[in-house]
Structures are given as C-alpha cells and as structure tokens.
Amino acid sequence: MQSLMNTGLGHAALTAPRRSLMARISSAMALHRSRARLASLDAHLLDDIGLDRRTAEAEANRPLWDAPASWTK
C-alpha cells in the first residue's frame, strides 16, 4: 500500500510504506551473507559469472547501506 506525502512544495508524492525493523535487519543480514559468499568464490567461479577478483572484492567490501534499491524492496 502506498500513501501520499506532502513534499512541502505544494506537490504530493507517493511513498512506499516503511518496512518493519525486522524486515530491514533480515535484508541487511542477507546482503552481508551474499557479499561474504561472493568474496569467497574461487577464480573459476567468478569467471563463470563474469567477474574478476578485484570487482568481487570491491562489491564484498561495500558498506551495508550501499545496496541497489531493487535489493531493499
């Protein structure tokens, strides 16, 4: 369900409802596990998914709050 939010400029914007704290914690933990697994993949497995070690390490070391919006829905 979406709700209307006043933007302060006389416009109304649709906003998504806030997710519960447990849902946000669960998503953060899943993201952490996913990035840890990515960092632990062997070179041939990274090659299978089209990544090199440097790219995988860079993704694995990103901060927890730095996730694509599609992952946090």
PDB file of N, CA and C in Angstrom:
ATOM      1  N   MET A   1       0.840  -1.170   0.000  1.00  0.00           N
ATOM      2  CA  MET A   1       0.000   0.000   0.000  1.00  0.00           C
ATOM      3  C   MET A   1       0.888   1.236   0.000  1.00  0.00           C
ATOM      4  N   GLN A   2       0.542   2.188  -0.812  1.00  0.00           N
ATOM      5  CA  GLN A   2       1.293   3.431  -0.862  1.00  0.00           C
ATOM      6  C   GLN A   2       0.461   4.536  -0.239  1.00  0.00           C
ATOM      7  N   SER A   3       1.150   5.561   0.240  1.00  0.00           N
ATOM      8  CA  SER A   3       0.448   6.694   0.817  1.00  0.00           C
ATOM      9  C   SER A   3       0.971   7.970   0.194  1.00  0.00           C
ATOM     10  N   LEU A   4       0.226   9.054   0.354  1.00  0.00           N
ATOM     11  CA  LEU A   4       0.630  10.346  -0.186  1.00  0.00           C
ATOM     12  C   LEU A   4       1.456  11.086   0.848  1.00  0.00           C
ATOM     13  N   MET A   5       2.495  11.751   0.363  1.00  0.00           N
ATOM     14  CA  MET A   5       3.344  12.539   1.245  1.00  0.00           C
ATOM     15  C   MET A   5       3.434  13.943   0.654  1.00  0.00           C
ATOM     16  N   ASN A   6       3.246  14.950   1.477  1.00  0.00           N
ATOM     17  CA  ASN A   6       3.383  16.329   1.036  1.00  0.00           C
ATOM     18  C   ASN A   6       4.866  16.660   0.955  1.00  0.00           C
ATOM     19  N   THR A   7       5.328  17.132  -0.214  1.00  0.00           N
ATOM     20  CA  THR A   7       6.748  17.420  -0.399  1.00  0.00           C
ATOM     21  C   THR A   7       7.130  18.797   0.119  1.00  0.00           C
ATOM     22  N   GLY A   8       6.178  19.575   0.577  1.00  0.00           N
ATOM     23  CA  GLY A   8       6.476  20.906   1.078  1.00  0.00           C
ATOM     24  C   GLY A   8       6.470  21.956  -0.028  1.00  0.00           C
ATOM     25  N   LEU A   9       6.388  21.543  -1.261  1.00  0.00           N
ATOM     26  CA  LEU A   9       6.364  22.473  -2.389  1.00  0.00           C
ATOM     27  C   LEU A   9       4.995  22.494  -3.049  1.00  0.00           C
ATOM     28  N   GLY A  10       4.010  22.039  -2.333  1.00  0.00           N
ATOM     29  CA  GLY A  10       2.672  22.011  -2.880  1.00  0.00           C
ATOM     30  C   GLY A  10       2.416  20.780  -3.733  1.00  0.00           C
ATOM     31  N   HIS A  11       3.371  19.863  -3.766  1.00  0.00           N
ATOM     32  CA  HIS A  11       3.220  18.639  -4.546  1.00  0.00           C
ATOM     33  C   HIS A  11       2.999  17.481  -3.587  1.00  0.00           C
ATOM     34  N   ALA A  12       2.306  16.518  -4.040  1.00  0.00           N
ATOM     35  CA  ALA A  12       2.150  15.288  -3.261  1.00  0.00           C
ATOM     36  C   ALA A  12       2.894  14.184  -3.997  1.00  0.00           C
ATOM     37  N   ALA A  13       3.568  13.349  -3.276  1.00  0.00           N
ATOM     38  CA  ALA A  13       4.314  12.245  -3.875  1.00  0.00           C
ATOM     39  C   ALA A  13       3.859  10.944  -3.237  1.00  0.00           C
ATOM     40  N   LEU A  14       3.837   9.883  -4.024  1.00  0.00           N
ATOM     41  CA  LEU A  14       3.515   8.573  -3.494  1.00  0.00           C
ATOM     42  C   LEU A  14       4.745   8.009  -2.787  1.00  0.00           C
ATOM     43  N   THR A  15       4.540   7.500  -1.624  1.00  0.00           N
ATOM     44  CA  THR A  15       5.644   6.888  -0.888  1.00  0.00           C
ATOM     45  C   THR A  15       5.272   5.453  -0.542  1.00  0.00           C
ATOM     46  N   ALA A  16       6.267   4.603  -0.552  1.00  0.00           N
ATOM     47  CA  ALA A  16       6.039   3.222  -0.156  1.00  0.00           C
ATOM     48  C   ALA A  16       5.962   3.161   1.367  1.00  0.00           C
ATOM     49  N   PRO A  17       5.186   2.241   1.891  1.00  0.00           N
ATOM     50  CA  PRO A  17       5.125   2.125   3.348  1.00  0.00           C
ATOM     51  C   PRO A  17       6.470   1.677   3.894  1.00  0.00           C
ATOM     52  N   ARG A  18       6.789   2.096   5.094  1.00  0.00           N
ATOM     53  CA  ARG A  18       8.060   1.717   5.725  1.00  0.00           C
ATOM     54  C   ARG A  18       8.032   0.240   6.071  1.00  0.00           C
ATOM     55  N   ARG A  19       9.154  -0.400   5.846  1.00  0.00           N
ATOM     56  CA  ARG A  19       9.278  -1.806   6.209  1.00  0.00           C
ATOM     57  C   ARG A  19       9.565  -1.915   7.702  1.00  0.00           C
ATOM     58  N   SER A  20       9.184  -3.014   8.278  1.00  0.00           N
ATOM     59  CA  SER A  20       9.421  -3.199   9.705  1.00  0.00           C
ATOM     60  C   SER A  20      10.916  -3.299   9.984  1.00  0.00           C
ATOM     61  N   LEU A  21      11.264  -3.053  11.218  1.00  0.00           N
ATOM     62  CA  LEU A  21      12.662  -3.139  11.629  1.00  0.00           C
ATOM     63  C   LEU A  21      13.212  -4.538  11.377  1.00  0.00           C
ATOM     64  N   MET A  22      12.436  -5.560  11.696  1.00  0.00           N
ATOM     65  CA  MET A  22      12.896  -6.943  11.484  1.00  0.00           C
ATOM     66  C   MET A  22      13.109  -7.235  10.008  1.00  0.00           C
ATOM     67  N   ALA A  23      12.268  -6.707   9.139  1.00  0.00           N
ATOM     68  CA  ALA A  23      12.438  -6.918   7.699  1.00  0.00           C
ATOM     69  C   ALA A  23      13.714  -6.248   7.210  1.00  0.00           C
ATOM     70  N   ARG A  24      14.003  -5.050   7.723  1.00  0.00           N
ATOM     71  CA  ARG A  24      15.228  -4.353   7.323  1.00  0.00           C
ATOM     72  C   ARG A  24      16.470  -5.068   7.851  1.00  0.00           C
ATOM     73  N   ILE A  25      16.415  -5.569   9.074  1.00  0.00           N
ATOM     74  CA  ILE A  25      17.549  -6.317   9.634  1.00  0.00           C
ATOM     75  C   ILE A  25      17.764  -7.607   8.848  1.00  0.00           C
ATOM     76  N   SER A  26      16.690  -8.292   8.530  1.00  0.00           N
ATOM     77  CA  SER A  26      16.785  -9.532   7.769  1.00  0.00           C
ATOM     78  C   SER A  26      17.408  -9.286   6.389  1.00  0.00           C
ATOM     79  N   SER A  27      16.987  -8.217   5.732  1.00  0.00           N
ATOM     80  CA  SER A  27      17.549  -7.874   4.420  1.00  0.00           C
ATOM     81  C   SER A  27      19.028  -7.531   4.523  1.00  0.00           C
ATOM     82  N   ALA A  28      19.396  -6.804   5.561  1.00  0.00           N
ATOM     83  CA  ALA A  28      20.799  -6.433   5.750  1.00  0.00           C
ATOM     84  C   ALA A  28      21.660  -7.667   6.001  1.00  0.00           C
ATOM     85  N   MET A  29      21.144  -8.606   6.787  1.00  0.00           N
ATOM     86  CA  MET A  29      21.896  -9.831   7.052  1.00  0.00           C
ATOM     87  C   MET A  29      22.047 -10.667   5.783  1.00  0.00           C
ATOM     88  N   ALA A  30      20.995 -10.741   4.977  1.00  0.00           N
ATOM     89  CA  ALA A  30      21.064 -11.486   3.716  1.00  0.00           C
ATOM     90  C   ALA A  30      22.076 -10.845   2.765  1.00  0.00           C
ATOM     91  N   LEU A  31      22.094  -9.533   2.708  1.00  0.00           N
ATOM     92  CA  LEU A  31      23.060  -8.831   1.866  1.00  0.00           C
ATOM     93  C   LEU A  31      24.481  -9.098   2.338  1.00  0.00           C
ATOM     94  N   HIS A  32      24.691  -9.071   3.640  1.00  0.00           N
ATOM     95  CA  HIS A  32      26.015  -9.356   4.205  1.00  0.00           C
ATOM     96  C   HIS A  32      26.465 -10.779   3.845  1.00  0.00           C
ATOM     97  N   ARG A  33      25.566 -11.751   4.002  1.00  0.00           N
ATOM     98  CA  ARG A  33      25.904 -13.141   3.659  1.00  0.00           C
ATOM     99  C   ARG A  33      26.216 -13.284   2.173  1.00  0.00           C
ATOM    100  N   SER A  34      25.432 -12.636   1.345  1.00  0.00           N
ATOM    101  CA  SER A  34      25.638 -12.702  -0.104  1.00  0.00           C
ATOM    102  C   SER A  34      26.995 -12.130  -0.501  1.00  0.00           C
ATOM    103  N   ARG A  35      27.339 -10.993   0.066  1.00  0.00           N
ATOM    104  CA  ARG A  35      28.627 -10.378  -0.257  1.00  0.00           C
ATOM    105  C   ARG A  35      29.792 -11.197   0.296  1.00  0.00           C
ATOM    106  N   ALA A  36      29.627 -11.801   1.452  1.00  0.00           N
ATOM    107  CA  ALA A  36      30.677 -12.650   2.014  1.00  0.00           C
ATOM    108  C   ALA A  36      30.894 -13.877   1.132  1.00  0.00           C
ATOM    109  N   ARG A  37      29.821 -14.461   0.639  1.00  0.00           N
ATOM    110  CA  ARG A  37      29.947 -15.620  -0.254  1.00  0.00           C
ATOM    111  C   ARG A  37      30.607 -15.226  -1.561  1.00  0.00           C
ATOM    112  N   LEU A  38      30.268 -14.069  -2.083  1.00  0.00           N
ATOM    113  CA  LEU A  38      30.897 -13.592  -3.309  1.00  0.00           C
ATOM    114  C   LEU A  38      32.404 -13.459  -3.117  1.00  0.00           C
ATOM    115  N   ALA A  39      32.816 -12.932  -1.993  1.00  0.00           N
ATOM    116  CA  ALA A  39      34.241 -12.744  -1.720  1.00  0.00           C
ATOM    117  C   ALA A  39      34.976 -14.074  -1.599  1.00  0.00           C
ATOM    118  N   SER A  40      34.263 -15.125  -1.231  1.00  0.00           N
ATOM    119  CA  SER A  40      34.917 -16.411  -1.019  1.00  0.00           C
ATOM    120  C   SER A  40      34.943 -17.302  -2.267  1.00  0.00           C
ATOM    121  N   LEU A  41      34.350 -16.863  -3.369  1.00  0.00           N
ATOM    122  CA  LEU A  41      34.326 -17.683  -4.585  1.00  0.00           C
ATOM    123  C   LEU A  41      35.716 -17.828  -5.190  1.00  0.00           C
ATOM    124  N   ASP A  42      35.972 -19.002  -5.746  1.00  0.00           N
ATOM    125  CA  ASP A  42      37.226 -19.244  -6.468  1.00  0.00           C
ATOM    126  C   ASP A  42      37.232 -18.471  -7.781  1.00  0.00           C
ATOM    127  N   ALA A  43      38.431 -18.307  -8.355  1.00  0.00           N
ATOM    128  CA  ALA A  43      38.590 -17.551  -9.596  1.00  0.00           C
ATOM    129  C   ALA A  43      37.750 -18.135 -10.736  1.00  0.00           C
ATOM    130  N   HIS A  44      37.702 -19.466 -10.842  1.00  0.00           N
ATOM    131  CA  HIS A  44      36.936 -20.055 -11.944  1.00  0.00           C
ATOM    132  C   HIS A  44      35.435 -19.833 -11.777  1.00  0.00           C
ATOM    133  N   LEU A  45      34.944 -19.781 -10.539  1.00  0.00           N
ATOM    134  CA  LEU A  45      33.531 -19.493 -10.312  1.00  0.00           C
ATOM    135  C   LEU A  45      33.218 -18.023 -10.605  1.00  0.00           C
ATOM    136  N   LEU A  46      34.132 -17.145 -10.225  1.00  0.00           N
ATOM    137  CA  LEU A  46      33.939 -15.722 -10.558  1.00  0.00           C
ATOM    138  C   LEU A  46      33.935 -15.541 -12.074  1.00  0.00           C
ATOM    139  N   ASP A  47      34.808 -16.266 -12.761  1.00  0.00           N
ATOM    140  CA  ASP A  47      34.852 -16.191 -14.222  1.00  0.00           C
ATOM    141  C   ASP A  47      33.519 -16.652 -14.820  1.00  0.00           C
ATOM    142  N   ASP A  48      32.906 -17.667 -14.225  1.00  0.00           N
ATOM    143  CA  ASP A  48      31.612 -18.173 -14.704  1.00  0.00           C
ATOM    144  C   ASP A  48      30.520 -17.106 -14.644  1.00  0.00           C
ATOM    145  N   ILE A  49      30.601 -16.214 -13.656  1.00  0.00           N
ATOM    146  CA  ILE A  49      29.572 -15.168 -13.542  1.00  0.00           C
ATOM    147  C   ILE A  49      30.049 -13.832 -14.104  1.00  0.00           C
ATOM    148  N   GLY A  50      31.229 -13.855 -14.729  1.00  0.00           N
ATOM    149  CA  GLY A  50      31.706 -12.666 -15.433  1.00  0.00           C
ATOM    150  C   GLY A  50      32.350 -11.607 -14.563  1.00  0.00           C
ATOM    151  N   LEU A  51      32.908 -12.014 -13.419  1.00  0.00           N
ATOM    152  CA  LEU A  51      33.567 -11.058 -12.536  1.00  0.00           C
ATOM    153  C   LEU A  51      35.022 -11.441 -12.347  1.00  0.00           C
ATOM    154  N   ASP A  52      35.849 -10.446 -12.090  1.00  0.00           N
ATOM    155  CA  ASP A  52      37.230 -10.732 -11.705  1.00  0.00           C
ATOM    156  C   ASP A  52      37.350 -10.558 -10.196  1.00  0.00           C
ATOM    157  N   ARG A  53      38.475 -10.959  -9.626  1.00  0.00           N
ATOM    158  CA  ARG A  53      38.675 -10.909  -8.173  1.00  0.00           C
ATOM    159  C   ARG A  53      38.539  -9.487  -7.642  1.00  0.00           C
ATOM    160  N   ARG A  54      39.097  -8.519  -8.359  1.00  0.00           N
ATOM    161  CA  ARG A  54      39.052  -7.117  -7.901  1.00  0.00           C
ATOM    162  C   ARG A  54      37.606  -6.618  -7.795  1.00  0.00           C
ATOM    163  N   THR A  55      36.789  -6.916  -8.794  1.00  0.00           N
ATOM    164  CA  THR A  55      35.388  -6.486  -8.783  1.00  0.00           C
ATOM    165  C   THR A  55      34.614  -7.167  -7.653  1.00  0.00           C
ATOM    166  N   ALA A  56      34.863  -8.458  -7.467  1.00  0.00           N
ATOM    167  CA  ALA A  56      34.182  -9.196  -6.397  1.00  0.00           C
ATOM    168  C   ALA A  56      34.564  -8.644  -5.029  1.00  0.00           C
ATOM    169  N   GLU A  57      35.844  -8.362  -4.835  1.00  0.00           N
ATOM    170  CA  GLU A  57      36.296  -7.800  -3.558  1.00  0.00           C
ATOM    171  C   GLU A  57      35.708  -6.411  -3.327  1.00  0.00           C
ATOM    172  N   ALA A  58      35.637  -5.619  -4.391  1.00  0.00           N
ATOM    173  CA  ALA A  58      35.060  -4.271  -4.259  1.00  0.00           C
ATOM    174  C   ALA A  58      33.593  -4.358  -3.840  1.00  0.00           C
ATOM    175  N   GLU A  59      32.849  -5.277  -4.445  1.00  0.00           N
ATOM    176  CA  GLU A  59      31.441  -5.457  -4.080  1.00  0.00           C
ATOM    177  C   GLU A  59      31.316  -5.970  -2.648  1.00  0.00           C
ATOM    178  N   ALA A  60      32.149  -6.915  -2.285  1.00  0.00           N
ATOM    179  CA  ALA A  60      32.086  -7.505  -0.942  1.00  0.00           C
ATOM    180  C   ALA A  60      32.424  -6.487   0.143  1.00  0.00           C
ATOM    181  N   ASN A  61      33.224  -5.491  -0.181  1.00  0.00           N
ATOM    182  CA  ASN A  61      33.652  -4.503   0.810  1.00  0.00           C
ATOM    183  C   ASN A  61      32.789  -3.248   0.840  1.00  0.00           C
ATOM    184  N   ARG A  62      31.722  -3.217   0.042  1.00  0.00           N
ATOM    185  CA  ARG A  62      30.831  -2.059   0.074  1.00  0.00           C
ATOM    186  C   ARG A  62      30.111  -2.010   1.415  1.00  0.00           C
ATOM    187  N   PRO A  63      29.802  -0.811   1.894  1.00  0.00           N
ATOM    188  CA  PRO A  63      29.069  -0.697   3.168  1.00  0.00           C
ATOM    189  C   PRO A  63      27.686  -1.330   3.075  1.00  0.00           C
ATOM    190  N   LEU A  64      27.189  -1.762   4.190  1.00  0.00           N
ATOM    191  CA  LEU A  64      25.901  -2.451   4.241  1.00  0.00           C
ATOM    192  C   LEU A  64      24.758  -1.591   3.703  1.00  0.00           C
ATOM    193  N   TRP A  65      24.808  -0.303   3.935  1.00  0.00           N
ATOM    194  CA  TRP A  65      23.735   0.587   3.487  1.00  0.00           C
ATOM    195  C   TRP A  65      23.831   0.908   1.994  1.00  0.00           C
ATOM    196  N   ASP A  66      24.914   0.499   1.342  1.00  0.00           N
ATOM    197  CA  ASP A  66      25.117   0.777  -0.074  1.00  0.00           C
ATOM    198  C   ASP A  66      24.644  -0.420  -0.898  1.00  0.00           C
ATOM    199  N   ALA A  67      23.349  -0.509  -1.054  1.00  0.00           N
ATOM    200  CA  ALA A  67      22.740  -1.615  -1.811  1.00  0.00           C
ATOM    201  C   ALA A  67      21.809  -1.031  -2.864  1.00  0.00           C
ATOM    202  N   PRO A  68      21.711  -1.698  -4.021  1.00  0.00           N
ATOM    203  CA  PRO A  68      20.769  -1.225  -5.035  1.00  0.00           C
ATOM    204  C   PRO A  68      19.350  -1.173  -4.485  1.00  0.00           C
ATOM    205  N   ALA A  69      18.573  -0.222  -4.929  1.00  0.00           N
ATOM    206  CA  ALA A  69      17.210  -0.051  -4.424  1.00  0.00           C
ATOM    207  C   ALA A  69      16.375  -1.313  -4.663  1.00  0.00           C
ATOM    208  N   SER A  70      16.634  -2.022  -5.749  1.00  0.00           N
ATOM    209  CA  SER A  70      15.849  -3.219  -6.054  1.00  0.00           C
ATOM    210  C   SER A  70      16.092  -4.316  -5.022  1.00  0.00           C
ATOM    211  N   TRP A  71      17.214  -4.293  -4.316  1.00  0.00           N
ATOM    212  CA  TRP A  71      17.514  -5.295  -3.299  1.00  0.00           C
ATOM    213  C   TRP A  71      16.832  -4.989  -1.981  1.00  0.00           C
ATOM    214  N   THR A  72      16.395  -3.781  -1.783  1.00  0.00           N
ATOM    215  CA  THR A  72      15.839  -3.378  -0.492  1.00  0.00           C
ATOM    216  C   THR A  72      14.321  -3.312  -0.485  1.00  0.00           C
ATOM    217  N   LYS A  73      13.695  -3.744  -1.553  1.00  0.00           N
ATOM    218  CA  LYS A  73      12.223  -3.715  -1.616  1.00  0.00           C
ATOM    219  C   LYS A  73      11.629  -4.933  -0.989  1.00  0.00           C
TER     220      LYS A  73
END
